[in-house]
Amino acid sequence: MTDLLLQISAVILAVSIFIAVYRVAKGPSMPDRVIALDNIGINLISLVAVVSLILETTAFLEVMLLLGILAFIGTVAFSKFIEKGVVIERKRD
């Protein structure tokens, strides 16, 4: 019974990721795209966790941590780009 619930949740998370990818491609504005990318990162971490539970292994814990760090850095970079128009400020004298 637990395996069936985990498989159903994996399918739901995969569908949610595809919906968020559509929002990134067709989003009406840049903030919508940033939120959709953050949503993809969170759902991807959750999907890896569910797959880890299905396979009964802890080998994917590092992958989840790495995805979380990359999602955070990506969100910060996109937010900075929306605010200032550049990600890395270069002051040339």
N, C-alpha and C. Protein backbone atom coordinates (compact mmCIF):
# COMPACT_ATOMS: atom_id res chain seq x y z
N MET A 1 0.82 -1.20 0.00
CA MET A 1 0.00 0.00 0.00
C MET A 1 0.87 1.26 0.00
N THR A 2 1.93 1.23 0.78
CA THR A 2 2.82 2.39 0.85
C THR A 2 3.51 2.63 -0.49
N ASP A 3 3.91 1.55 -1.15
CA ASP A 3 4.56 1.70 -2.45
C ASP A 3 3.63 2.33 -3.47
N LEU A 4 2.36 1.97 -3.43
CA LEU A 4 1.39 2.54 -4.35
C LEU A 4 1.23 4.04 -4.10
N LEU A 5 1.16 4.43 -2.84
CA LEU A 5 1.04 5.85 -2.51
C LEU A 5 2.28 6.63 -2.92
N LEU A 6 3.44 6.04 -2.75
CA LEU A 6 4.68 6.70 -3.17
C LEU A 6 4.73 6.85 -4.69
N GLN A 7 4.29 5.85 -5.41
CA GLN A 7 4.27 5.94 -6.87
C GLN A 7 3.27 6.98 -7.36
N ILE A 8 2.11 7.04 -6.72
CA ILE A 8 1.12 8.06 -7.08
C ILE A 8 1.66 9.46 -6.80
N SER A 9 2.33 9.62 -5.66
CA SER A 9 2.88 10.94 -5.35
C SER A 9 4.01 11.31 -6.31
N ALA A 10 4.78 10.33 -6.77
CA ALA A 10 5.83 10.61 -7.76
C ALA A 10 5.23 11.07 -9.08
N VAL A 11 4.14 10.46 -9.49
CA VAL A 11 3.47 10.87 -10.73
C VAL A 11 2.90 12.28 -10.58
N ILE A 12 2.30 12.57 -9.44
CA ILE A 12 1.74 13.91 -9.21
C ILE A 12 2.85 14.97 -9.22
N LEU A 13 3.98 14.66 -8.60
CA LEU A 13 5.10 15.60 -8.61
C LEU A 13 5.65 15.80 -10.01
N ALA A 14 5.72 14.73 -10.80
CA ALA A 14 6.22 14.85 -12.17
C ALA A 14 5.28 15.71 -13.01
N VAL A 15 3.98 15.54 -12.84
CA VAL A 15 3.01 16.37 -13.57
C VAL A 15 3.14 17.82 -13.14
N SER A 16 3.34 18.05 -11.86
CA SER A 16 3.52 19.41 -11.35
C SER A 16 4.77 20.06 -11.94
N ILE A 17 5.83 19.29 -12.11
CA ILE A 17 7.05 19.82 -12.71
C ILE A 17 6.79 20.22 -14.16
N PHE A 18 6.07 19.38 -14.91
CA PHE A 18 5.78 19.71 -16.31
C PHE A 18 4.89 20.94 -16.42
N ILE A 19 3.95 21.11 -15.50
CA ILE A 19 3.11 22.31 -15.51
C ILE A 19 3.96 23.55 -15.23
N ALA A 20 4.90 23.43 -14.30
CA ALA A 20 5.77 24.56 -13.99
C ALA A 20 6.71 24.88 -15.16
N VAL A 21 7.16 23.86 -15.88
CA VAL A 21 7.99 24.10 -17.07
C VAL A 21 7.19 24.88 -18.11
N TYR A 22 5.92 24.55 -18.26
CA TYR A 22 5.07 25.31 -19.18
C TYR A 22 4.97 26.77 -18.73
N ARG A 23 4.86 26.99 -17.41
CA ARG A 23 4.77 28.36 -16.88
C ARG A 23 6.07 29.11 -17.13
N VAL A 24 7.20 28.43 -17.05
CA VAL A 24 8.47 29.09 -17.35
C VAL A 24 8.53 29.48 -18.82
N ALA A 25 8.05 28.61 -19.69
CA ALA A 25 8.12 28.90 -21.12
C ALA A 25 7.11 29.97 -21.55
N LYS A 26 5.92 29.95 -21.00
CA LYS A 26 4.86 30.84 -21.45
C LYS A 26 4.43 31.87 -20.40
N GLY A 27 5.22 32.03 -19.35
CA GLY A 27 4.83 32.94 -18.28
C GLY A 27 4.63 34.36 -18.76
N PRO A 28 3.64 35.05 -18.22
CA PRO A 28 3.38 36.40 -18.69
C PRO A 28 4.45 37.42 -18.28
N SER A 29 5.14 37.17 -17.19
CA SER A 29 6.15 38.14 -16.74
C SER A 29 7.34 37.40 -16.14
N MET A 30 8.42 38.15 -15.95
CA MET A 30 9.64 37.56 -15.39
C MET A 30 9.45 37.07 -13.95
N PRO A 31 8.76 37.79 -13.06
CA PRO A 31 8.56 37.24 -11.71
C PRO A 31 7.78 35.91 -11.71
N ASP A 32 6.83 35.76 -12.64
CA ASP A 32 6.12 34.48 -12.74
C ASP A 32 7.08 33.36 -13.12
N ARG A 33 8.01 33.66 -13.98
CA ARG A 33 8.99 32.65 -14.40
C ARG A 33 9.93 32.28 -13.25
N VAL A 34 10.31 33.27 -12.45
CA VAL A 34 11.19 33.00 -11.31
C VAL A 34 10.48 32.12 -10.30
N ILE A 35 9.22 32.41 -10.02
CA ILE A 35 8.45 31.59 -9.08
C ILE A 35 8.28 30.18 -9.63
N ALA A 36 8.05 30.06 -10.93
CA ALA A 36 7.91 28.73 -11.54
C ALA A 36 9.22 27.94 -11.45
N LEU A 37 10.35 28.61 -11.66
CA LEU A 37 11.64 27.92 -11.53
C LEU A 37 11.89 27.47 -10.10
N ASP A 38 11.52 28.29 -9.13
CA ASP A 38 11.65 27.90 -7.74
C ASP A 38 10.73 26.71 -7.44
N ASN A 39 9.54 26.74 -8.01
CA ASN A 39 8.60 25.63 -7.85
C ASN A 39 9.17 24.34 -8.45
N ILE A 40 9.82 24.45 -9.60
CA ILE A 40 10.45 23.27 -10.21
C ILE A 40 11.52 22.71 -9.29
N GLY A 41 12.33 23.58 -8.70
CA GLY A 41 13.38 23.12 -7.79
C GLY A 41 12.82 22.40 -6.58
N ILE A 42 11.78 22.95 -5.98
CA ILE A 42 11.18 22.33 -4.80
C ILE A 42 10.54 20.99 -5.16
N ASN A 43 9.82 20.96 -6.28
CA ASN A 43 9.18 19.72 -6.69
C ASN A 43 10.21 18.66 -7.10
N LEU A 44 11.31 19.09 -7.67
CA LEU A 44 12.36 18.14 -8.05
C LEU A 44 13.01 17.53 -6.81
N ILE A 45 13.23 18.34 -5.79
CA ILE A 45 13.77 17.83 -4.53
C ILE A 45 12.79 16.82 -3.92
N SER A 46 11.51 17.15 -3.95
CA SER A 46 10.50 16.24 -3.42
C SER A 46 10.43 14.94 -4.22
N LEU A 47 10.56 15.05 -5.54
CA LEU A 47 10.53 13.85 -6.38
C LEU A 47 11.73 12.95 -6.10
N VAL A 48 12.89 13.54 -5.91
CA VAL A 48 14.08 12.74 -5.57
C VAL A 48 13.89 12.08 -4.21
N ALA A 49 13.27 12.77 -3.26
CA ALA A 49 13.01 12.18 -1.95
C ALA A 49 12.05 11.01 -2.05
N VAL A 50 11.01 11.15 -2.87
CA VAL A 50 10.06 10.05 -3.05
C VAL A 50 10.73 8.86 -3.73
N VAL A 51 11.55 9.12 -4.73
CA VAL A 51 12.28 8.02 -5.40
C VAL A 51 13.22 7.35 -4.41
N SER A 52 13.84 8.14 -3.54
CA SER A 52 14.71 7.57 -2.51
C SER A 52 13.93 6.66 -1.56
N LEU A 53 12.70 7.06 -1.23
CA LEU A 53 11.87 6.21 -0.38
C LEU A 53 11.42 4.95 -1.11
N ILE A 54 11.11 5.08 -2.39
CA ILE A 54 10.69 3.91 -3.16
C ILE A 54 11.83 2.90 -3.25
N LEU A 55 13.04 3.38 -3.50
CA LEU A 55 14.20 2.49 -3.63
C LEU A 55 14.80 2.09 -2.29
N GLU A 56 14.30 2.68 -1.21
CA GLU A 56 14.77 2.40 0.16
C GLU A 56 16.28 2.57 0.29
N THR A 57 16.75 3.74 -0.13
CA THR A 57 18.18 4.05 -0.04
C THR A 57 18.36 5.50 0.42
N THR A 58 19.51 5.76 0.98
CA THR A 58 19.83 7.13 1.39
C THR A 58 20.86 7.76 0.46
N ALA A 59 21.07 7.13 -0.68
CA ALA A 59 22.10 7.60 -1.62
C ALA A 59 21.75 8.94 -2.25
N PHE A 60 20.49 9.32 -2.23
CA PHE A 60 20.06 10.53 -2.90
C PHE A 60 20.01 11.75 -1.98
N LEU A 61 20.45 11.62 -0.75
CA LEU A 61 20.40 12.75 0.18
C LEU A 61 21.32 13.88 -0.28
N GLU A 62 22.49 13.54 -0.79
CA GLU A 62 23.41 14.56 -1.28
C GLU A 62 22.84 15.25 -2.52
N VAL A 63 22.14 14.50 -3.35
CA VAL A 63 21.52 15.08 -4.54
C VAL A 63 20.45 16.08 -4.14
N MET A 64 19.65 15.74 -3.14
CA MET A 64 18.61 16.67 -2.67
C MET A 64 19.23 17.94 -2.11
N LEU A 65 20.31 17.80 -1.36
CA LEU A 65 20.99 18.97 -0.80
C LEU A 65 21.56 19.85 -1.91
N LEU A 66 22.18 19.24 -2.89
CA LEU A 66 22.74 19.99 -4.02
C LEU A 66 21.64 20.70 -4.81
N LEU A 67 20.53 20.04 -5.05
CA LEU A 67 19.41 20.68 -5.75
C LEU A 67 18.85 21.86 -4.96
N GLY A 68 18.79 21.72 -3.65
CA GLY A 68 18.32 22.82 -2.82
C GLY A 68 19.24 24.03 -2.88
N ILE A 69 20.53 23.78 -2.84
CA ILE A 69 21.50 24.88 -2.94
C ILE A 69 21.42 25.56 -4.30
N LEU A 70 21.34 24.76 -5.37
CA LEU A 70 21.25 25.34 -6.71
C LEU A 70 19.96 26.11 -6.92
N ALA A 71 18.86 25.61 -6.38
CA ALA A 71 17.58 26.32 -6.50
C ALA A 71 17.64 27.65 -5.76
N PHE A 72 18.27 27.67 -4.59
CA PHE A 72 18.39 28.91 -3.84
C PHE A 72 19.25 29.93 -4.58
N ILE A 73 20.39 29.49 -5.09
CA ILE A 73 21.28 30.40 -5.83
C ILE A 73 20.59 30.92 -7.08
N GLY A 74 19.87 30.06 -7.77
CA GLY A 74 19.15 30.49 -8.96
C GLY A 74 18.08 31.51 -8.65
N THR A 75 17.34 31.31 -7.57
CA THR A 75 16.30 32.26 -7.18
C THR A 75 16.90 33.61 -6.81
N VAL A 76 18.00 33.60 -6.09
CA VAL A 76 18.66 34.85 -5.72
C VAL A 76 19.19 35.57 -6.95
N ALA A 77 19.79 34.82 -7.88
CA ALA A 77 20.34 35.44 -9.09
C ALA A 77 19.23 36.04 -9.95
N PHE A 78 18.15 35.32 -10.14
CA PHE A 78 17.05 35.86 -10.95
C PHE A 78 16.40 37.06 -10.27
N SER A 79 16.27 37.02 -8.96
CA SER A 79 15.70 38.16 -8.24
C SER A 79 16.58 39.40 -8.38
N LYS A 80 17.88 39.19 -8.30
CA LYS A 80 18.80 40.31 -8.48
C LYS A 80 18.74 40.84 -9.91
N PHE A 81 18.59 39.95 -10.88
CA PHE A 81 18.47 40.37 -12.27
C PHE A 81 17.19 41.18 -12.49
N ILE A 82 16.10 40.76 -11.88
CA ILE A 82 14.84 41.50 -12.02
C ILE A 82 14.96 42.87 -11.38
N GLU A 83 15.62 42.94 -10.24
CA GLU A 83 15.72 44.21 -9.51
C GLU A 83 16.65 45.21 -10.20
N LYS A 84 17.84 44.76 -10.60
CA LYS A 84 18.86 45.69 -11.10
C LYS A 84 19.16 45.56 -12.58
N GLY A 85 18.76 44.48 -13.21
CA GLY A 85 19.04 44.29 -14.62
C GLY A 85 20.34 43.55 -14.90
N VAL A 86 21.17 43.37 -13.89
CA VAL A 86 22.42 42.60 -14.02
C VAL A 86 22.55 41.69 -12.81
N VAL A 87 23.28 40.61 -13.00
CA VAL A 87 23.49 39.69 -11.89
C VAL A 87 24.78 40.03 -11.16
N ILE A 88 25.85 40.28 -11.91
CA ILE A 88 27.15 40.62 -11.34
C ILE A 88 27.46 42.07 -11.69
N GLU A 89 27.63 42.87 -10.67
CA GLU A 89 27.95 44.28 -10.90
C GLU A 89 29.45 44.43 -11.10
N ARG A 90 29.82 45.10 -12.17
CA ARG A 90 31.24 45.33 -12.45
C ARG A 90 31.47 46.82 -12.45
N LYS A 91 32.22 47.26 -11.48
CA LYS A 91 32.55 48.69 -11.39
C LYS A 91 33.89 48.91 -12.06
N ARG A 92 33.87 49.62 -13.14
CA ARG A 92 35.11 49.92 -13.86
C ARG A 92 35.43 51.39 -13.68
N ASP A 93 36.63 51.63 -13.25
CA ASP A 93 37.06 53.02 -13.02
C ASP A 93 37.85 53.54 -14.18
